[in-house]
Amino acid sequence: MTLAGLAEKVCGKVVVPSDGEIKAFYAGDFLSRVMGKAPADCAWFTVMANVNVAGVAVLAEVRAVVLCEGVAPDPLLTEKLRNEGIGLITTELPVFEGCVSVVK
């Protein structure tokens, strides 16, 4: 799935565009757990919006971050994700509903 395709499914907005195929999905807010469990090239659904998300996304080889529940990204997070080539989407959907929407 492309970033644009994912944004459409979650009724979201692409904040940071990126290339590459999203091959899996992961939801979680415990950063250490995401580092150990998120599959490479996944879209990570979270409500965490601080710059630490970018570091974890790089370590876990995440393809895109999806900020749920209308959470606005910290400007430093947006900058770091852009520099790393990792996509960023924002959506009003709760995490669970966002995840369900991609498998419908």
N, C-alpha and C. Protein backbone atom coordinates (compact mmCIF):
# COMPACT_ATOMS: atom_id res chain seq x y z
N MET A 1 0.85 -1.17 0.00
CA MET A 1 0.00 0.00 0.00
C MET A 1 0.90 1.25 0.00
N THR A 2 0.48 2.25 -0.72
CA THR A 2 1.22 3.51 -0.74
C THR A 2 0.78 4.40 0.42
N LEU A 3 1.56 5.42 0.70
CA LEU A 3 1.22 6.37 1.75
C LEU A 3 -0.09 7.08 1.42
N ALA A 4 -0.26 7.47 0.18
CA ALA A 4 -1.50 8.14 -0.24
C ALA A 4 -2.70 7.21 -0.08
N GLY A 5 -2.52 5.95 -0.42
CA GLY A 5 -3.59 4.98 -0.26
C GLY A 5 -3.97 4.77 1.20
N LEU A 6 -2.98 4.75 2.06
CA LEU A 6 -3.24 4.62 3.50
C LEU A 6 -3.96 5.85 4.02
N ALA A 7 -3.52 7.03 3.62
CA ALA A 7 -4.17 8.27 4.06
C ALA A 7 -5.64 8.28 3.66
N GLU A 8 -5.93 7.79 2.47
CA GLU A 8 -7.33 7.72 2.01
C GLU A 8 -8.15 6.77 2.88
N LYS A 9 -7.59 5.62 3.20
CA LYS A 9 -8.32 4.62 3.99
C LYS A 9 -8.62 5.12 5.41
N VAL A 10 -7.71 5.92 5.99
CA VAL A 10 -7.92 6.40 7.36
C VAL A 10 -8.52 7.81 7.39
N CYS A 11 -8.96 8.29 6.22
CA CYS A 11 -9.52 9.65 6.11
C CYS A 11 -8.55 10.67 6.70
N GLY A 12 -7.28 10.48 6.37
CA GLY A 12 -6.23 11.30 6.96
C GLY A 12 -5.59 12.26 5.99
N LYS A 13 -4.63 12.98 6.50
CA LYS A 13 -3.89 13.98 5.73
C LYS A 13 -2.41 13.62 5.76
N VAL A 14 -1.78 13.60 4.58
CA VAL A 14 -0.34 13.36 4.51
C VAL A 14 0.37 14.65 4.93
N VAL A 15 1.13 14.58 6.00
CA VAL A 15 1.90 15.72 6.49
C VAL A 15 3.32 15.69 5.94
N VAL A 16 3.90 14.48 5.91
CA VAL A 16 5.23 14.28 5.35
C VAL A 16 5.12 13.17 4.31
N PRO A 17 5.29 13.49 3.04
CA PRO A 17 5.22 12.45 2.01
C PRO A 17 6.46 11.55 2.04
N SER A 18 6.28 10.33 1.56
CA SER A 18 7.42 9.42 1.44
C SER A 18 7.11 8.40 0.36
N ASP A 19 8.16 7.75 -0.11
CA ASP A 19 8.04 6.72 -1.13
C ASP A 19 8.13 5.35 -0.47
N GLY A 20 7.85 4.35 -1.23
CA GLY A 20 7.99 2.98 -0.74
C GLY A 20 6.66 2.38 -0.36
N GLU A 21 6.63 1.07 -0.34
CA GLU A 21 5.41 0.34 -0.05
C GLU A 21 5.29 0.03 1.43
N ILE A 22 4.11 0.27 1.96
CA ILE A 22 3.79 -0.11 3.33
C ILE A 22 3.35 -1.56 3.28
N LYS A 23 4.07 -2.42 4.02
CA LYS A 23 3.83 -3.86 3.92
C LYS A 23 3.15 -4.46 5.14
N ALA A 24 3.01 -3.69 6.20
CA ALA A 24 2.41 -4.20 7.44
C ALA A 24 1.91 -3.03 8.26
N PHE A 25 1.27 -3.34 9.39
CA PHE A 25 0.72 -2.31 10.27
C PHE A 25 1.03 -2.69 11.71
N TYR A 26 1.23 -1.67 12.54
CA TYR A 26 1.51 -1.90 13.96
C TYR A 26 0.89 -0.76 14.75
N ALA A 27 0.33 -1.08 15.91
CA ALA A 27 -0.25 -0.07 16.78
C ALA A 27 0.36 -0.20 18.16
N GLY A 28 0.77 0.92 18.73
CA GLY A 28 1.33 0.89 20.08
C GLY A 28 1.91 2.22 20.48
N ASP A 29 1.98 2.42 21.79
CA ASP A 29 2.52 3.67 22.33
C ASP A 29 3.72 3.47 23.25
N PHE A 30 4.02 2.23 23.61
CA PHE A 30 5.21 1.98 24.41
C PHE A 30 6.39 1.90 23.45
N LEU A 31 7.25 2.91 23.49
CA LEU A 31 8.31 3.02 22.49
C LEU A 31 9.24 1.82 22.47
N SER A 32 9.59 1.29 23.64
CA SER A 32 10.48 0.14 23.67
C SER A 32 9.83 -1.08 23.03
N ARG A 33 8.54 -1.21 23.19
CA ARG A 33 7.81 -2.33 22.58
C ARG A 33 7.77 -2.17 21.06
N VAL A 34 7.56 -0.96 20.59
CA VAL A 34 7.55 -0.70 19.15
C VAL A 34 8.91 -1.05 18.56
N MET A 35 9.98 -0.67 19.25
CA MET A 35 11.33 -0.97 18.74
C MET A 35 11.54 -2.47 18.55
N GLY A 36 10.98 -3.26 19.44
CA GLY A 36 11.20 -4.70 19.37
C GLY A 36 10.18 -5.48 18.58
N LYS A 37 9.00 -4.91 18.34
CA LYS A 37 7.91 -5.68 17.74
C LYS A 37 7.41 -5.18 16.39
N ALA A 38 7.58 -3.91 16.09
CA ALA A 38 7.05 -3.38 14.83
C ALA A 38 7.80 -3.99 13.64
N PRO A 39 7.07 -4.51 12.66
CA PRO A 39 7.75 -5.08 11.49
C PRO A 39 8.32 -3.98 10.59
N ALA A 40 9.38 -4.30 9.91
CA ALA A 40 9.98 -3.35 8.97
C ALA A 40 8.97 -2.98 7.89
N ASP A 41 9.07 -1.76 7.42
CA ASP A 41 8.22 -1.23 6.35
C ASP A 41 6.74 -1.16 6.73
N CYS A 42 6.47 -1.01 8.03
CA CYS A 42 5.09 -0.92 8.48
C CYS A 42 4.64 0.52 8.62
N ALA A 43 3.33 0.68 8.78
CA ALA A 43 2.74 1.95 9.20
C ALA A 43 2.47 1.78 10.69
N TRP A 44 2.95 2.70 11.48
CA TRP A 44 2.83 2.64 12.94
C TRP A 44 1.74 3.61 13.38
N PHE A 45 0.67 3.08 13.97
CA PHE A 45 -0.45 3.87 14.48
C PHE A 45 -0.18 4.20 15.94
N THR A 46 -0.26 5.48 16.29
CA THR A 46 0.06 5.92 17.65
C THR A 46 -0.60 7.26 17.95
N VAL A 47 -0.58 7.62 19.22
CA VAL A 47 -0.99 8.97 19.62
C VAL A 47 0.22 9.75 20.15
N MET A 48 1.38 9.13 20.14
CA MET A 48 2.61 9.78 20.58
C MET A 48 3.09 10.73 19.48
N ALA A 49 3.32 11.99 19.83
CA ALA A 49 3.65 12.97 18.79
C ALA A 49 4.95 13.71 19.04
N ASN A 50 5.78 13.22 19.96
CA ASN A 50 7.03 13.93 20.23
C ASN A 50 8.17 13.41 19.36
N VAL A 51 9.29 14.06 19.44
CA VAL A 51 10.42 13.75 18.57
C VAL A 51 10.97 12.34 18.80
N ASN A 52 10.74 11.76 19.97
CA ASN A 52 11.23 10.40 20.22
C ASN A 52 10.62 9.38 19.26
N VAL A 53 9.45 9.68 18.74
CA VAL A 53 8.79 8.80 17.77
C VAL A 53 9.67 8.66 16.53
N ALA A 54 10.32 9.71 16.11
CA ALA A 54 11.19 9.64 14.93
C ALA A 54 12.36 8.70 15.16
N GLY A 55 12.98 8.79 16.33
CA GLY A 55 14.10 7.89 16.63
C GLY A 55 13.68 6.44 16.63
N VAL A 56 12.54 6.15 17.23
CA VAL A 56 12.04 4.78 17.26
C VAL A 56 11.67 4.32 15.86
N ALA A 57 11.06 5.18 15.07
CA ALA A 57 10.68 4.83 13.71
C ALA A 57 11.91 4.47 12.88
N VAL A 58 12.99 5.19 13.06
CA VAL A 58 14.23 4.88 12.34
C VAL A 58 14.76 3.53 12.78
N LEU A 59 14.86 3.31 14.09
CA LEU A 59 15.39 2.05 14.61
C LEU A 59 14.56 0.84 14.18
N ALA A 60 13.24 1.00 14.15
CA ALA A 60 12.35 -0.10 13.80
C ALA A 60 12.12 -0.22 12.29
N GLU A 61 12.72 0.66 11.51
CA GLU A 61 12.57 0.68 10.06
C GLU A 61 11.11 0.82 9.63
N VAL A 62 10.42 1.72 10.34
CA VAL A 62 9.02 2.03 10.05
C VAL A 62 8.95 2.84 8.76
N ARG A 63 7.96 2.55 7.92
CA ARG A 63 7.80 3.28 6.65
C ARG A 63 6.99 4.56 6.84
N ALA A 64 6.01 4.53 7.79
CA ALA A 64 5.16 5.70 8.01
C ALA A 64 4.61 5.69 9.43
N VAL A 65 4.40 6.88 9.97
CA VAL A 65 3.77 7.06 11.27
C VAL A 65 2.38 7.64 11.02
N VAL A 66 1.38 7.07 11.69
CA VAL A 66 0.01 7.57 11.59
C VAL A 66 -0.39 8.08 12.96
N LEU A 67 -0.50 9.40 13.09
CA LEU A 67 -0.93 10.01 14.35
C LEU A 67 -2.45 10.03 14.38
N CYS A 68 -3.02 9.39 15.38
CA CYS A 68 -4.47 9.22 15.48
C CYS A 68 -5.09 10.19 16.48
N GLU A 69 -6.43 10.19 16.51
CA GLU A 69 -7.22 10.97 17.46
C GLU A 69 -7.01 12.48 17.34
N GLY A 70 -6.65 12.93 16.15
CA GLY A 70 -6.48 14.36 15.92
C GLY A 70 -5.23 14.96 16.56
N VAL A 71 -4.32 14.10 16.98
CA VAL A 71 -3.09 14.58 17.62
C VAL A 71 -2.24 15.31 16.57
N ALA A 72 -1.77 16.49 16.95
CA ALA A 72 -0.91 17.28 16.06
C ALA A 72 0.55 16.93 16.32
N PRO A 73 1.33 16.76 15.26
CA PRO A 73 2.74 16.41 15.46
C PRO A 73 3.55 17.60 15.97
N ASP A 74 4.48 17.30 16.83
CA ASP A 74 5.46 18.29 17.25
C ASP A 74 6.24 18.71 16.00
N PRO A 75 6.52 19.99 15.82
CA PRO A 75 7.28 20.42 14.63
C PRO A 75 8.62 19.71 14.46
N LEU A 76 9.28 19.40 15.57
CA LEU A 76 10.57 18.69 15.49
C LEU A 76 10.36 17.26 14.99
N LEU A 77 9.26 16.63 15.36
CA LEU A 77 8.95 15.29 14.84
C LEU A 77 8.78 15.35 13.33
N THR A 78 8.01 16.31 12.86
CA THR A 78 7.78 16.46 11.43
C THR A 78 9.11 16.64 10.69
N GLU A 79 9.95 17.49 11.22
CA GLU A 79 11.26 17.75 10.59
C GLU A 79 12.12 16.49 10.54
N LYS A 80 12.19 15.78 11.65
CA LYS A 80 13.03 14.57 11.72
C LYS A 80 12.51 13.48 10.77
N LEU A 81 11.21 13.29 10.73
CA LEU A 81 10.65 12.28 9.82
C LEU A 81 10.93 12.66 8.38
N ARG A 82 10.79 13.93 8.05
CA ARG A 82 11.08 14.39 6.68
C ARG A 82 12.55 14.11 6.33
N ASN A 83 13.45 14.40 7.26
CA ASN A 83 14.88 14.17 7.02
C ASN A 83 15.21 12.69 6.86
N GLU A 84 14.43 11.83 7.51
CA GLU A 84 14.68 10.38 7.45
C GLU A 84 13.92 9.69 6.32
N GLY A 85 13.06 10.43 5.62
CA GLY A 85 12.29 9.84 4.54
C GLY A 85 11.15 8.95 5.03
N ILE A 86 10.67 9.21 6.23
CA ILE A 86 9.57 8.44 6.81
C ILE A 86 8.30 9.28 6.71
N GLY A 87 7.24 8.68 6.19
CA GLY A 87 5.99 9.39 5.99
C GLY A 87 5.27 9.67 7.30
N LEU A 88 4.41 10.69 7.26
CA LEU A 88 3.59 11.05 8.42
C LEU A 88 2.18 11.39 7.95
N ILE A 89 1.22 10.74 8.60
CA ILE A 89 -0.20 10.98 8.33
C ILE A 89 -0.86 11.36 9.64
N THR A 90 -1.81 12.28 9.59
CA THR A 90 -2.64 12.57 10.75
C THR A 90 -4.08 12.19 10.41
N THR A 91 -4.79 11.69 11.41
CA THR A 91 -6.19 11.31 11.24
C THR A 91 -6.96 11.59 12.53
N GLU A 92 -8.24 11.82 12.38
CA GLU A 92 -9.11 12.01 13.53
C GLU A 92 -9.54 10.67 14.14
N LEU A 93 -9.35 9.59 13.42
CA LEU A 93 -9.79 8.28 13.89
C LEU A 93 -9.02 7.84 15.13
N PRO A 94 -9.68 7.13 16.04
CA PRO A 94 -8.95 6.49 17.14
C PRO A 94 -8.02 5.41 16.57
N VAL A 95 -7.05 5.00 17.33
CA VAL A 95 -6.07 4.01 16.86
C VAL A 95 -6.76 2.74 16.37
N PHE A 96 -7.67 2.19 17.16
CA PHE A 96 -8.33 0.95 16.77
C PHE A 96 -9.08 1.11 15.45
N GLU A 97 -9.87 2.16 15.34
CA GLU A 97 -10.65 2.37 14.11
C GLU A 97 -9.73 2.60 12.91
N GLY A 98 -8.62 3.27 13.12
CA GLY A 98 -7.67 3.47 12.04
C GLY A 98 -7.11 2.15 11.54
N CYS A 99 -6.75 1.28 12.47
CA CYS A 99 -6.22 -0.04 12.10
C CYS A 99 -7.29 -0.86 11.37
N VAL A 100 -8.49 -0.85 11.87
CA VAL A 100 -9.57 -1.62 11.25
C VAL A 100 -9.85 -1.10 9.83
N SER A 101 -9.75 0.20 9.63
CA SER A 101 -10.06 0.77 8.33
C SER A 101 -9.11 0.31 7.22
N VAL A 102 -7.90 -0.10 7.59
CA VAL A 102 -6.95 -0.53 6.56
C VAL A 102 -7.14 -1.98 6.16
N VAL A 103 -7.90 -2.74 6.95
CA VAL A 103 -8.12 -4.14 6.59
C VAL A 103 -9.50 -4.40 6.02
N LYS A 104 -10.31 -3.36 5.91
CA LYS A 104 -11.65 -3.52 5.32
C LYS A 104 -11.55 -3.70 3.83
